Full PDB file with SEQRES, HELIX, SHEET, SSBOND, CRYST1, ORIGX, SCALE, CONECT and MASTER records, all heavy atoms in Angstrom:
SEQRES   1 A   39  CYS VAL ARG CYS GLY GLU THR ARG PRO ARG MET ALA PHE          
SEQRES   2 A   39  LYS PRO PHE GLN ASN GLU PHE GLY GLN GLN LEU TYR ASP          
SEQRES   3 A   39  THR ILE CYS GLY VAL CYS TRP GLY GLU TRP THR LYS ARG          
HELIX    1 AA1 GLU A   19  THR A   27  1                                   9    
HELIX    2 AA2 GLY A   30  LYS A   38  1                                   9    
CRYST1    1.000    1.000    1.000  90.00  90.00  90.00 P 1           1          
ORIGX1      1.000000  0.000000  0.000000        0.00000                         
ORIGX2      0.000000  1.000000  0.000000        0.00000                         
ORIGX3      0.000000  0.000000  1.000000        0.00000                         
SCALE1      1.000000  0.000000  0.000000        0.00000                         
SCALE2      0.000000  1.000000  0.000000        0.00000                         
SCALE3      0.000000  0.000000  1.000000        0.00000                         
ATOM      1  N   CYS A   1     137.786 -24.533  25.191  1.00  0.00           N  
ATOM      2  CA  CYS A   1     138.687 -23.593  25.846  1.00  0.00           C  
ATOM      3  C   CYS A   1     138.842 -23.935  27.329  1.00  0.00           C  
ATOM      4  O   CYS A   1     137.856 -24.203  28.016  1.00  0.00           O  
ATOM      5  CB  CYS A   1     138.132 -22.181  25.685  1.00  0.00           C  
ATOM      6  SG  CYS A   1     139.116 -20.882  26.442  1.00  0.00           S  
ATOM      7  N   VAL A   2     140.083 -23.915  27.802  1.00  0.00           N  
ATOM      8  CA  VAL A   2     140.329 -24.215  29.216  1.00  0.00           C  
ATOM      9  C   VAL A   2     139.930 -23.052  30.121  1.00  0.00           C  
ATOM     10  O   VAL A   2     139.737 -23.248  31.311  1.00  0.00           O  
ATOM     11  CB  VAL A   2     141.799 -24.613  29.497  1.00  0.00           C  
ATOM     12  CG1 VAL A   2     142.165 -25.883  28.761  1.00  0.00           C  
ATOM     13  CG2 VAL A   2     142.761 -23.498  29.165  1.00  0.00           C  
ATOM     14  N   ARG A   3     139.794 -21.869  29.567  1.00  0.00           N  
ATOM     15  CA  ARG A   3     139.421 -20.721  30.397  1.00  0.00           C  
ATOM     16  C   ARG A   3     137.914 -20.655  30.604  1.00  0.00           C  
ATOM     17  O   ARG A   3     137.431 -20.585  31.715  1.00  0.00           O  
ATOM     18  CB  ARG A   3     139.889 -19.406  29.785  1.00  0.00           C  
ATOM     19  CG  ARG A   3     139.483 -18.211  30.655  1.00  0.00           C  
ATOM     20  CD  ARG A   3     140.067 -16.912  30.148  1.00  0.00           C  
ATOM     21  NE  ARG A   3     139.782 -15.846  31.081  1.00  0.00           N  
ATOM     22  CZ  ARG A   3     138.766 -15.012  30.948  1.00  0.00           C  
ATOM     23  NH1 ARG A   3     137.934 -15.114  29.922  1.00  0.00           N  
ATOM     24  NH2 ARG A   3     138.573 -14.052  31.845  1.00  0.00           N  
ATOM     25  N   CYS A   4     137.158 -20.681  29.502  1.00  0.00           N  
ATOM     26  CA  CYS A   4     135.703 -20.493  29.612  1.00  0.00           C  
ATOM     27  C   CYS A   4     134.920 -21.800  29.589  1.00  0.00           C  
ATOM     28  O   CYS A   4     133.750 -21.825  29.954  1.00  0.00           O  
ATOM     29  CB  CYS A   4     135.206 -19.566  28.505  1.00  0.00           C  
ATOM     30  SG  CYS A   4     135.351 -20.240  26.831  1.00  0.00           S  
ATOM     31  N   GLY A   5     135.562 -22.881  29.119  1.00  0.00           N  
ATOM     32  CA  GLY A   5     134.875 -24.168  29.055  1.00  0.00           C  
ATOM     33  C   GLY A   5     133.962 -24.330  27.849  1.00  0.00           C  
ATOM     34  O   GLY A   5     133.352 -25.374  27.672  1.00  0.00           O  
ATOM     35  N   GLU A   6     133.872 -23.306  27.015  1.00  0.00           N  
ATOM     36  CA  GLU A   6     133.021 -23.354  25.824  1.00  0.00           C  
ATOM     37  C   GLU A   6     133.784 -23.946  24.638  1.00  0.00           C  
ATOM     38  O   GLU A   6     135.005 -23.857  24.569  1.00  0.00           O  
ATOM     39  CB  GLU A   6     132.555 -21.943  25.460  1.00  0.00           C  
ATOM     40  CG  GLU A   6     131.755 -21.243  26.537  1.00  0.00           C  
ATOM     41  CD  GLU A   6     130.376 -21.827  26.719  1.00  0.00           C  
ATOM     42  OE1 GLU A   6     129.772 -22.246  25.707  1.00  0.00           O  
ATOM     43  OE2 GLU A   6     129.899 -21.863  27.862  1.00  0.00           O  
ATOM     44  N   THR A   7     133.039 -24.515  23.695  1.00  0.00           N  
ATOM     45  CA  THR A   7     133.626 -24.965  22.444  1.00  0.00           C  
ATOM     46  C   THR A   7     133.436 -23.842  21.443  1.00  0.00           C  
ATOM     47  O   THR A   7     132.307 -23.515  21.065  1.00  0.00           O  
ATOM     48  CB  THR A   7     132.968 -26.261  21.962  1.00  0.00           C  
ATOM     49  OG1 THR A   7     133.179 -27.268  22.959  1.00  0.00           O  
ATOM     50  CG2 THR A   7     133.566 -26.729  20.645  1.00  0.00           C  
ATOM     51  N   ARG A   8     134.565 -23.232  21.067  1.00  0.00           N  
ATOM     52  CA  ARG A   8     134.553 -22.061  20.193  1.00  0.00           C  
ATOM     53  C   ARG A   8     135.734 -22.140  19.238  1.00  0.00           C  
ATOM     54  O   ARG A   8     136.645 -22.928  19.439  1.00  0.00           O  
ATOM     55  CB  ARG A   8     134.716 -20.783  21.022  1.00  0.00           C  
ATOM     56  CG  ARG A   8     133.582 -20.502  21.982  1.00  0.00           C  
ATOM     57  CD  ARG A   8     133.911 -19.273  22.783  1.00  0.00           C  
ATOM     58  NE  ARG A   8     132.754 -18.825  23.544  1.00  0.00           N  
ATOM     59  CZ  ARG A   8     132.822 -17.967  24.536  1.00  0.00           C  
ATOM     60  NH1 ARG A   8     133.979 -17.452  24.897  1.00  0.00           N  
ATOM     61  NH2 ARG A   8     131.736 -17.600  25.176  1.00  0.00           N  
ATOM     62  N   PRO A   9     135.743 -21.254  18.221  1.00  0.00           N  
ATOM     63  CA  PRO A   9     136.900 -21.218  17.319  1.00  0.00           C  
ATOM     64  C   PRO A   9     138.171 -20.830  18.072  1.00  0.00           C  
ATOM     65  O   PRO A   9     138.147 -19.972  18.955  1.00  0.00           O  
ATOM     66  CB  PRO A   9     136.528 -20.149  16.289  1.00  0.00           C  
ATOM     67  CG  PRO A   9     135.038 -20.093  16.317  1.00  0.00           C  
ATOM     68  CD  PRO A   9     134.657 -20.383  17.748  1.00  0.00           C  
ATOM     69  N   ARG A  10     139.276 -21.476  17.715  1.00  0.00           N  
ATOM     70  CA  ARG A  10     140.569 -21.164  18.327  1.00  0.00           C  
ATOM     71  C   ARG A  10     141.048 -19.802  17.846  1.00  0.00           C  
ATOM     72  O   ARG A  10     140.454 -19.218  16.948  1.00  0.00           O  
ATOM     73  CB  ARG A  10     141.595 -22.239  18.030  1.00  0.00           C  
ATOM     74  CG  ARG A  10     142.071 -22.238  16.599  1.00  0.00           C  
ATOM     75  CD  ARG A  10     143.271 -23.130  16.343  1.00  0.00           C  
ATOM     76  NE  ARG A  10     142.940 -24.524  16.565  1.00  0.00           N  
ATOM     77  CZ  ARG A  10     143.777 -25.404  17.091  1.00  0.00           C  
ATOM     78  NH1 ARG A  10     145.000 -25.071  17.402  1.00  0.00           N  
ATOM     79  NH2 ARG A  10     143.408 -26.643  17.269  1.00  0.00           N  
ATOM     80  N   MET A  11     142.131 -19.339  18.422  1.00  0.00           N  
ATOM     81  CA  MET A  11     142.751 -18.098  17.978  1.00  0.00           C  
ATOM     82  C   MET A  11     143.139 -18.212  16.511  1.00  0.00           C  
ATOM     83  O   MET A  11     143.373 -19.304  16.009  1.00  0.00           O  
ATOM     84  CB  MET A  11     144.040 -17.841  18.771  1.00  0.00           C  
ATOM     85  CG  MET A  11     143.841 -17.527  20.201  1.00  0.00           C  
ATOM     86  SD  MET A  11     145.454 -17.201  20.939  1.00  0.00           S  
ATOM     87  CE  MET A  11     145.634 -18.680  21.905  1.00  0.00           C  
ATOM     88  N   ALA A  12     143.263 -17.085  15.853  1.00  0.00           N  
ATOM     89  CA  ALA A  12     143.624 -17.077  14.430  1.00  0.00           C  
ATOM     90  C   ALA A  12     145.103 -17.371  14.208  1.00  0.00           C  
ATOM     91  O   ALA A  12     145.496 -17.730  13.096  1.00  0.00           O  
ATOM     92  CB  ALA A  12     143.267 -15.725  13.826  1.00  0.00           C  
ATOM     93  N   PHE A  13     145.926 -17.224  15.253  1.00  0.00           N  
ATOM     94  CA  PHE A  13     147.377 -17.398  15.116  1.00  0.00           C  
ATOM     95  C   PHE A  13     147.969 -17.770  16.463  1.00  0.00           C  
ATOM     96  O   PHE A  13     147.346 -17.547  17.501  1.00  0.00           O  
ATOM     97  CB  PHE A  13     148.034 -16.104  14.613  1.00  0.00           C  
ATOM     98  CG  PHE A  13     147.746 -14.935  15.521  1.00  0.00           C  
ATOM     99  CD1 PHE A  13     148.579 -14.639  16.584  1.00  0.00           C  
ATOM    100  CD2 PHE A  13     146.628 -14.153  15.320  1.00  0.00           C  
ATOM    101  CE1 PHE A  13     148.304 -13.582  17.431  1.00  0.00           C  
ATOM    102  CE2 PHE A  13     146.345 -13.085  16.168  1.00  0.00           C  
ATOM    103  CZ  PHE A  13     147.189 -12.802  17.218  1.00  0.00           C  
ATOM    104  N   LYS A  14     149.172 -18.331  16.446  1.00  0.00           N  
ATOM    105  CA  LYS A  14     149.894 -18.610  17.687  1.00  0.00           C  
ATOM    106  C   LYS A  14     150.447 -17.288  18.216  1.00  0.00           C  
ATOM    107  O   LYS A  14     151.111 -16.565  17.474  1.00  0.00           O  
ATOM    108  CB  LYS A  14     151.040 -19.595  17.477  1.00  0.00           C  
ATOM    109  CG  LYS A  14     150.586 -21.018  17.278  1.00  0.00           C  
ATOM    110  CD  LYS A  14     151.741 -21.979  17.373  1.00  0.00           C  
ATOM    111  CE  LYS A  14     152.500 -22.000  16.074  1.00  0.00           C  
ATOM    112  NZ  LYS A  14     153.551 -23.018  16.041  1.00  0.00           N  
ATOM    113  N   PRO A  15     150.187 -16.957  19.477  1.00  0.00           N  
ATOM    114  CA  PRO A  15     150.630 -15.666  19.991  1.00  0.00           C  
ATOM    115  C   PRO A  15     152.137 -15.565  20.205  1.00  0.00           C  
ATOM    116  O   PRO A  15     152.683 -14.460  20.200  1.00  0.00           O  
ATOM    117  CB  PRO A  15     149.880 -15.540  21.310  1.00  0.00           C  
ATOM    118  CG  PRO A  15     149.577 -16.935  21.720  1.00  0.00           C  
ATOM    119  CD  PRO A  15     149.399 -17.699  20.447  1.00  0.00           C  
ATOM    120  N   PHE A  16     152.814 -16.689  20.406  1.00  0.00           N  
ATOM    121  CA  PHE A  16     154.264 -16.735  20.579  1.00  0.00           C  
ATOM    122  C   PHE A  16     154.788 -17.909  19.761  1.00  0.00           C  
ATOM    123  O   PHE A  16     154.130 -18.934  19.667  1.00  0.00           O  
ATOM    124  CB  PHE A  16     154.659 -16.954  22.055  1.00  0.00           C  
ATOM    125  CG  PHE A  16     154.002 -15.999  23.007  1.00  0.00           C  
ATOM    126  CD1 PHE A  16     152.994 -16.428  23.859  1.00  0.00           C  
ATOM    127  CD2 PHE A  16     154.400 -14.674  23.063  1.00  0.00           C  
ATOM    128  CE1 PHE A  16     152.385 -15.547  24.740  1.00  0.00           C  
ATOM    129  CE2 PHE A  16     153.793 -13.793  23.935  1.00  0.00           C  
ATOM    130  CZ  PHE A  16     152.779 -14.231  24.784  1.00  0.00           C  
ATOM    131  N   GLN A  17     155.964 -17.770  19.221  1.00  0.00           N  
ATOM    132  CA  GLN A  17     156.544 -18.840  18.411  1.00  0.00           C  
ATOM    133  C   GLN A  17     157.418 -19.743  19.279  1.00  0.00           C  
ATOM    134  O   GLN A  17     158.619 -19.884  19.055  1.00  0.00           O  
ATOM    135  CB  GLN A  17     157.336 -18.247  17.245  1.00  0.00           C  
ATOM    136  CG  GLN A  17     156.476 -17.455  16.279  1.00  0.00           C  
ATOM    137  CD  GLN A  17     155.319 -18.279  15.712  1.00  0.00           C  
ATOM    138  OE1 GLN A  17     155.515 -19.416  15.270  1.00  0.00           O  
ATOM    139  NE2 GLN A  17     154.131 -17.720  15.727  1.00  0.00           N  
ATOM    140  N   ASN A  18     156.786 -20.324  20.303  1.00  0.00           N  
ATOM    141  CA  ASN A  18     157.477 -21.253  21.190  1.00  0.00           C  
ATOM    142  C   ASN A  18     156.454 -22.253  21.725  1.00  0.00           C  
ATOM    143  O   ASN A  18     155.288 -22.236  21.319  1.00  0.00           O  
ATOM    144  CB  ASN A  18     158.212 -20.511  22.318  1.00  0.00           C  
ATOM    145  CG  ASN A  18     157.281 -19.648  23.168  1.00  0.00           C  
ATOM    146  OD1 ASN A  18     156.085 -19.882  23.248  1.00  0.00           O  
ATOM    147  ND2 ASN A  18     157.843 -18.634  23.804  1.00  0.00           N  
ATOM    148  N   GLU A  19     156.897 -23.096  22.640  1.00  0.00           N  
ATOM    149  CA  GLU A  19     156.021 -24.135  23.191  1.00  0.00           C  
ATOM    150  C   GLU A  19     154.824 -23.540  23.943  1.00  0.00           C  
ATOM    151  O   GLU A  19     153.700 -24.036  23.840  1.00  0.00           O  
ATOM    152  CB  GLU A  19     156.840 -25.026  24.132  1.00  0.00           C  
ATOM    153  CG  GLU A  19     156.101 -26.268  24.586  1.00  0.00           C  
ATOM    154  CD  GLU A  19     156.987 -27.189  25.404  1.00  0.00           C  
ATOM    155  OE1 GLU A  19     158.143 -27.413  25.015  1.00  0.00           O  
ATOM    156  OE2 GLU A  19     156.503 -27.674  26.438  1.00  0.00           O  
ATOM    157  N   PHE A  20     155.053 -22.453  24.681  1.00  0.00           N  
ATOM    158  CA  PHE A  20     153.964 -21.808  25.415  1.00  0.00           C  
ATOM    159  C   PHE A  20     152.925 -21.236  24.445  1.00  0.00           C  
ATOM    160  O   PHE A  20     151.722 -21.354  24.669  1.00  0.00           O  
ATOM    161  CB  PHE A  20     154.505 -20.718  26.338  1.00  0.00           C  
ATOM    162  CG  PHE A  20     153.437 -20.035  27.142  1.00  0.00           C  
ATOM    163  CD1 PHE A  20     152.632 -20.753  28.014  1.00  0.00           C  
ATOM    164  CD2 PHE A  20     153.240 -18.674  27.028  1.00  0.00           C  
ATOM    165  CE1 PHE A  20     151.639 -20.134  28.759  1.00  0.00           C  
ATOM    166  CE2 PHE A  20     152.256 -18.037  27.762  1.00  0.00           C  
ATOM    167  CZ  PHE A  20     151.447 -18.765  28.634  1.00  0.00           C  
ATOM    168  N   GLY A  21     153.395 -20.644  23.345  1.00  0.00           N  
ATOM    169  CA  GLY A  21     152.475 -20.148  22.327  1.00  0.00           C  
ATOM    170  C   GLY A  21     151.627 -21.259  21.733  1.00  0.00           C  
ATOM    171  O   GLY A  21     150.431 -21.076  21.479  1.00  0.00           O  
ATOM    172  N   GLN A  22     152.235 -22.412  21.503  1.00  0.00           N  
ATOM    173  CA  GLN A  22     151.494 -23.564  20.994  1.00  0.00           C  
ATOM    174  C   GLN A  22     150.463 -24.035  22.017  1.00  0.00           C  
ATOM    175  O   GLN A  22     149.335 -24.369  21.662  1.00  0.00           O  
ATOM    176  CB  GLN A  22     152.449 -24.706  20.640  1.00  0.00           C  
ATOM    177  CG  GLN A  22     151.772 -25.890  19.984  1.00  0.00           C  
ATOM    178  CD  GLN A  22     151.230 -25.574  18.607  1.00  0.00           C  
ATOM    179  OE1 GLN A  22     151.924 -24.981  17.781  1.00  0.00           O  
ATOM    180  NE2 GLN A  22     149.996 -25.963  18.341  1.00  0.00           N  
ATOM    181  N   GLN A  23     150.838 -24.044  23.297  1.00  0.00           N  
ATOM    182  CA  GLN A  23     149.895 -24.433  24.359  1.00  0.00           C  
ATOM    183  C   GLN A  23     148.684 -23.501  24.358  1.00  0.00           C  
ATOM    184  O   GLN A  23     147.544 -23.964  24.424  1.00  0.00           O  
ATOM    185  CB  GLN A  23     150.574 -24.395  25.722  1.00  0.00           C  
ATOM    186  CG  GLN A  23     149.626 -24.701  26.873  1.00  0.00           C  
ATOM    187  CD  GLN A  23     150.215 -24.414  28.237  1.00  0.00           C  
ATOM    188  OE1 GLN A  23     151.375 -24.034  28.375  1.00  0.00           O  
ATOM    189  NE2 GLN A  23     149.411 -24.569  29.267  1.00  0.00           N  
ATOM    190  N   LEU A  24     148.919 -22.207  24.279  1.00  0.00           N  
ATOM    191  CA  LEU A  24     147.810 -21.256  24.247  1.00  0.00           C  
ATOM    192  C   LEU A  24     146.949 -21.475  23.010  1.00  0.00           C  
ATOM    193  O   LEU A  24     145.715 -21.497  23.093  1.00  0.00           O  
ATOM    194  CB  LEU A  24     148.335 -19.819  24.279  1.00  0.00           C  
ATOM    195  CG  LEU A  24     149.009 -19.373  25.570  1.00  0.00           C  
ATOM    196  CD1 LEU A  24     149.598 -17.983  25.391  1.00  0.00           C  
ATOM    197  CD2 LEU A  24     148.053 -19.410  26.743  1.00  0.00           C  
ATOM    198  N   TYR A  25     147.587 -21.651  21.869  1.00  0.00           N  
ATOM    199  CA  TYR A  25     146.877 -21.863  20.609  1.00  0.00           C  
ATOM    200  C   TYR A  25     145.991 -23.105  20.661  1.00  0.00           C  
ATOM    201  O   TYR A  25     144.886 -23.113  20.124  1.00  0.00           O  
ATOM    202  CB  TYR A  25     147.895 -21.976  19.479  1.00  0.00           C  
ATOM    203  CG  TYR A  25     147.305 -22.105  18.102  1.00  0.00           C  
ATOM    204  CD1 TYR A  25     146.661 -21.041  17.488  1.00  0.00           C  
ATOM    205  CD2 TYR A  25     147.407 -23.306  17.396  1.00  0.00           C  
ATOM    206  CE1 TYR A  25     146.133 -21.158  16.212  1.00  0.00           C  
ATOM    207  CE2 TYR A  25     146.884 -23.428  16.121  1.00  0.00           C  
ATOM    208  CZ  TYR A  25     146.244 -22.354  15.541  1.00  0.00           C  
ATOM    209  OH  TYR A  25     145.718 -22.472  14.277  1.00  0.00           O  
ATOM    210  N   ASP A  26     146.465 -24.131  21.339  1.00  0.00           N  
ATOM    211  CA  ASP A  26     145.722 -25.390  21.429  1.00  0.00           C  
ATOM    212  C   ASP A  26     144.634 -25.397  22.486  1.00  0.00           C  
ATOM    213  O   ASP A  26     143.767 -26.269  22.461  1.00  0.00           O  
ATOM    214  CB  ASP A  26     146.689 -26.548  21.705  1.00  0.00           C  
ATOM    215  CG  ASP A  26     147.598 -26.862  20.532  1.00  0.00           C  
ATOM    216  OD1 ASP A  26     147.265 -26.488  19.381  1.00  0.00           O  
ATOM    217  OD2 ASP A  26     148.662 -27.467  20.767  1.00  0.00           O  
ATOM    218  N   THR A  27     144.669 -24.449  23.434  1.00  0.00           N  
ATOM    219  CA  THR A  27     143.749 -24.548  24.570  1.00  0.00           C  
ATOM    220  C   THR A  27     142.904 -23.310  24.849  1.00  0.00           C  
ATOM    221  O   THR A  27     141.986 -23.378  25.671  1.00  0.00           O  
ATOM    222  CB  THR A  27     144.528 -24.879  25.858  1.00  0.00           C  
ATOM    223  OG1 THR A  27     145.458 -23.826  26.135  1.00  0.00           O  
ATOM    224  CG2 THR A  27     145.257 -26.206  25.755  1.00  0.00           C  
ATOM    225  N   ILE A  28     143.176 -22.184  24.185  1.00  0.00           N  
ATOM    226  CA  ILE A  28     142.449 -20.949  24.458  1.00  0.00           C  
ATOM    227  C   ILE A  28     141.673 -20.522  23.210  1.00  0.00           C  
ATOM    228  O   ILE A  28     142.230 -20.462  22.116  1.00  0.00           O  
ATOM    229  CB  ILE A  28     143.416 -19.813  24.875  1.00  0.00           C  
ATOM    230  CG1 ILE A  28     144.210 -20.195  26.121  1.00  0.00           C  
ATOM    231  CG2 ILE A  28     142.668 -18.491  25.087  1.00  0.00           C  
ATOM    232  CD1 ILE A  28     143.379 -20.394  27.388  1.00  0.00           C  
ATOM    233  N   CYS A  29     140.403 -20.206  23.387  1.00  0.00           N  
ATOM    234  CA  CYS A  29     139.585 -19.797  22.243  1.00  0.00           C  
ATOM    235  C   CYS A  29     139.870 -18.344  21.866  1.00  0.00           C  
ATOM    236  O   CYS A  29     140.439 -17.562  22.639  1.00  0.00           O  
ATOM    237  CB  CYS A  29     138.104 -19.978  22.555  1.00  0.00           C  
ATOM    238  SG  CYS A  29     137.429 -18.845  23.788  1.00  0.00           S  
ATOM    239  N   GLY A  30     139.458 -17.995  20.678  1.00  0.00           N  
ATOM    240  CA  GLY A  30     139.664 -16.640  20.180  1.00  0.00           C  
ATOM    241  C   GLY A  30     138.945 -15.590  21.003  1.00  0.00           C  
ATOM    242  O   GLY A  30     139.435 -14.466  21.157  1.00  0.00           O  
ATOM    243  N   VAL A  31     137.780 -15.925  21.547  1.00  0.00           N  
ATOM    244  CA  VAL A  31     137.028 -14.971  22.369  1.00  0.00           C  
ATOM    245  C   VAL A  31     137.813 -14.630  23.637  1.00  0.00           C  
ATOM    246  O   VAL A  31     137.981 -13.451  23.982  1.00  0.00           O  
ATOM    247  CB  VAL A  31     135.632 -15.535  22.725  1.00  0.00           C  
ATOM    248  CG1 VAL A  31     134.911 -14.645  23.721  1.00  0.00           C  
ATOM    249  CG2 VAL A  31     134.797 -15.713  21.464  1.00  0.00           C  
ATOM    250  N   CYS A  32     138.323 -15.633  24.321  1.00  0.00           N  
ATOM    251  CA  CYS A  32     139.097 -15.387  25.545  1.00  0.00           C  
ATOM    252  C   CYS A  32     140.408 -14.673  25.226  1.00  0.00           C  
ATOM    253  O   CYS A  32     140.856 -13.821  26.006  1.00  0.00           O  
ATOM    254  CB  CYS A  32     139.354 -16.690  26.300  1.00  0.00           C  
ATOM    255  SG  CYS A  32     137.871 -17.327  27.114  1.00  0.00           S  
ATOM    256  N   TRP A  33     141.021 -14.994  24.090  1.00  0.00           N  
ATOM    257  CA  TRP A  33     142.233 -14.275  23.698  1.00  0.00           C  
ATOM    258  C   TRP A  33     141.917 -12.796  23.481  1.00  0.00           C  
ATOM    259  O   TRP A  33     142.670 -11.926  23.882  1.00  0.00           O  
ATOM    260  CB  TRP A  33     142.861 -14.895  22.456  1.00  0.00           C  
ATOM    261  CG  TRP A  33     144.120 -14.180  22.100  1.00  0.00           C  
ATOM    262  CD1 TRP A  33     144.299 -13.313  21.061  1.00  0.00           C  
ATOM    263  CD2 TRP A  33     145.359 -14.239  22.797  1.00  0.00           C  
ATOM    264  NE1 TRP A  33     145.582 -12.835  21.071  1.00  0.00           N  
ATOM    265  CE2 TRP A  33     146.256 -13.383  22.134  1.00  0.00           C  
ATOM    266  CE3 TRP A  33     145.802 -14.926  23.921  1.00  0.00           C  
ATOM    267  CZ2 TRP A  33     147.568 -13.195  22.544  1.00  0.00           C  
ATOM    268  CZ3 TRP A  33     147.126 -14.744  24.336  1.00  0.00           C  
ATOM    269  CH2 TRP A  33     147.981 -13.893  23.650  1.00  0.00           C  
ATOM    270  N   GLY A  34     140.783 -12.513  22.858  1.00  0.00           N  
ATOM    271  CA  GLY A  34     140.360 -11.127  22.672  1.00  0.00           C  
ATOM    272  C   GLY A  34     140.142 -10.417  23.996  1.00  0.00           C  
ATOM    273  O   GLY A  34     140.494  -9.239  24.145  1.00  0.00           O  
ATOM    274  N   GLU A  35     139.576 -11.123  24.963  1.00  0.00           N  
ATOM    275  CA  GLU A  35     139.397 -10.548  26.298  1.00  0.00           C  
ATOM    276  C   GLU A  35     140.757 -10.247  26.924  1.00  0.00           C  
ATOM    277  O   GLU A  35     140.927  -9.223  27.592  1.00  0.00           O  
ATOM    278  CB  GLU A  35     138.591 -11.492  27.182  1.00  0.00           C  
ATOM    279  CG  GLU A  35     137.141 -11.602  26.770  1.00  0.00           C  
ATOM    280  CD  GLU A  35     136.381 -12.656  27.556  1.00  0.00           C  
ATOM    281  OE1 GLU A  35     136.945 -13.262  28.488  1.00  0.00           O  
ATOM    282  OE2 GLU A  35     135.205 -12.878  27.216  1.00  0.00           O  
ATOM    283  N   TRP A  36     141.729 -11.155  26.710  1.00  0.00           N  
ATOM    284  CA  TRP A  36     143.067 -10.906  27.245  1.00  0.00           C  
ATOM    285  C   TRP A  36     143.699  -9.668  26.612  1.00  0.00           C  
ATOM    286  O   TRP A  36     144.295  -8.853  27.303  1.00  0.00           O  
ATOM    287  CB  TRP A  36     143.998 -12.110  27.068  1.00  0.00           C  
ATOM    288  CG  TRP A  36     145.429 -11.672  27.186  1.00  0.00           C  
ATOM    289  CD1 TRP A  36     146.361 -11.637  26.206  1.00  0.00           C  
ATOM    290  CD2 TRP A  36     146.067 -11.125  28.355  1.00  0.00           C  
ATOM    291  NE1 TRP A  36     147.532 -11.106  26.685  1.00  0.00           N  
ATOM    292  CE2 TRP A  36     147.366 -10.777  28.008  1.00  0.00           C  
ATOM    293  CE3 TRP A  36     145.642 -10.891  29.670  1.00  0.00           C  
ATOM    294  CZ2 TRP A  36     148.266 -10.218  28.906  1.00  0.00           C  
ATOM    295  CZ3 TRP A  36     146.533 -10.319  30.572  1.00  0.00           C  
ATOM    296  CH2 TRP A  36     147.829 -10.003  30.183  1.00  0.00           C  
ATOM    297  N   THR A  37     143.563  -9.504  25.314  1.00  0.00           N  
ATOM    298  CA  THR A  37     144.207  -8.352  24.675  1.00  0.00           C  
ATOM    299  C   THR A  37     143.627  -7.038  25.193  1.00  0.00           C  
ATOM    300  O   THR A  37     144.366  -6.064  25.358  1.00  0.00           O  
ATOM    301  CB  THR A  37     144.127  -8.414  23.132  1.00  0.00           C  
ATOM    302  OG1 THR A  37     142.777  -8.442  22.714  1.00  0.00           O  
ATOM    303  CG2 THR A  37     144.868  -9.626  22.594  1.00  0.00           C  
ATOM    304  N   LYS A  38     142.337  -7.017  25.492  1.00  0.00           N  
ATOM    305  CA  LYS A  38     141.732  -5.824  26.104  1.00  0.00           C  
ATOM    306  C   LYS A  38     142.284  -5.603  27.502  1.00  0.00           C  
ATOM    307  O   LYS A  38     142.619  -4.477  27.884  1.00  0.00           O  
ATOM    308  CB  LYS A  38     140.212  -5.956  26.143  1.00  0.00           C  
ATOM    309  CG  LYS A  38     139.571  -5.859  24.783  1.00  0.00           C  
ATOM    310  CD  LYS A  38     138.086  -6.075  24.865  1.00  0.00           C  
ATOM    311  CE  LYS A  38     137.480  -6.154  23.479  1.00  0.00           C  
ATOM    312  NZ  LYS A  38     136.075  -6.509  23.519  1.00  0.00           N  
ATOM    313  N   ARG A  39     142.380  -6.677  28.277  1.00  0.00           N  
ATOM    314  CA  ARG A  39     142.913  -6.576  29.639  1.00  0.00           C  
ATOM    315  C   ARG A  39     144.379  -6.136  29.616  1.00  0.00           C  
ATOM    316  O   ARG A  39     144.809  -5.323  30.440  1.00  0.00           O  
ATOM    317  CB  ARG A  39     142.775  -7.920  30.361  1.00  0.00           C  
ATOM    318  CG  ARG A  39     143.353  -7.957  31.735  1.00  0.00           C  
ATOM    319  CD  ARG A  39     142.555  -7.082  32.678  1.00  0.00           C  
ATOM    320  NE  ARG A  39     143.113  -7.207  34.022  1.00  0.00           N  
ATOM    321  CZ  ARG A  39     143.148  -6.214  34.876  1.00  0.00           C  
ATOM    322  NH1 ARG A  39     142.621  -5.051  34.583  1.00  0.00           N  
ATOM    323  NH2 ARG A  39     143.686  -6.393  36.058  1.00  0.00           N  
TER     324      ARG A  39                                                      
MASTER        0    0    0    2    0    0    0    6  323    1    0    3          
END                                                                             
């Protein structure tokens, strides 16, 4: 993950159906995505 630097499972799905969504899916772990949804 580019946010936390840890090697973790990726998100379960692409958050957006575009290039930016693919970038997030490829670089952000599920844990950090969960933190974002709370924020």
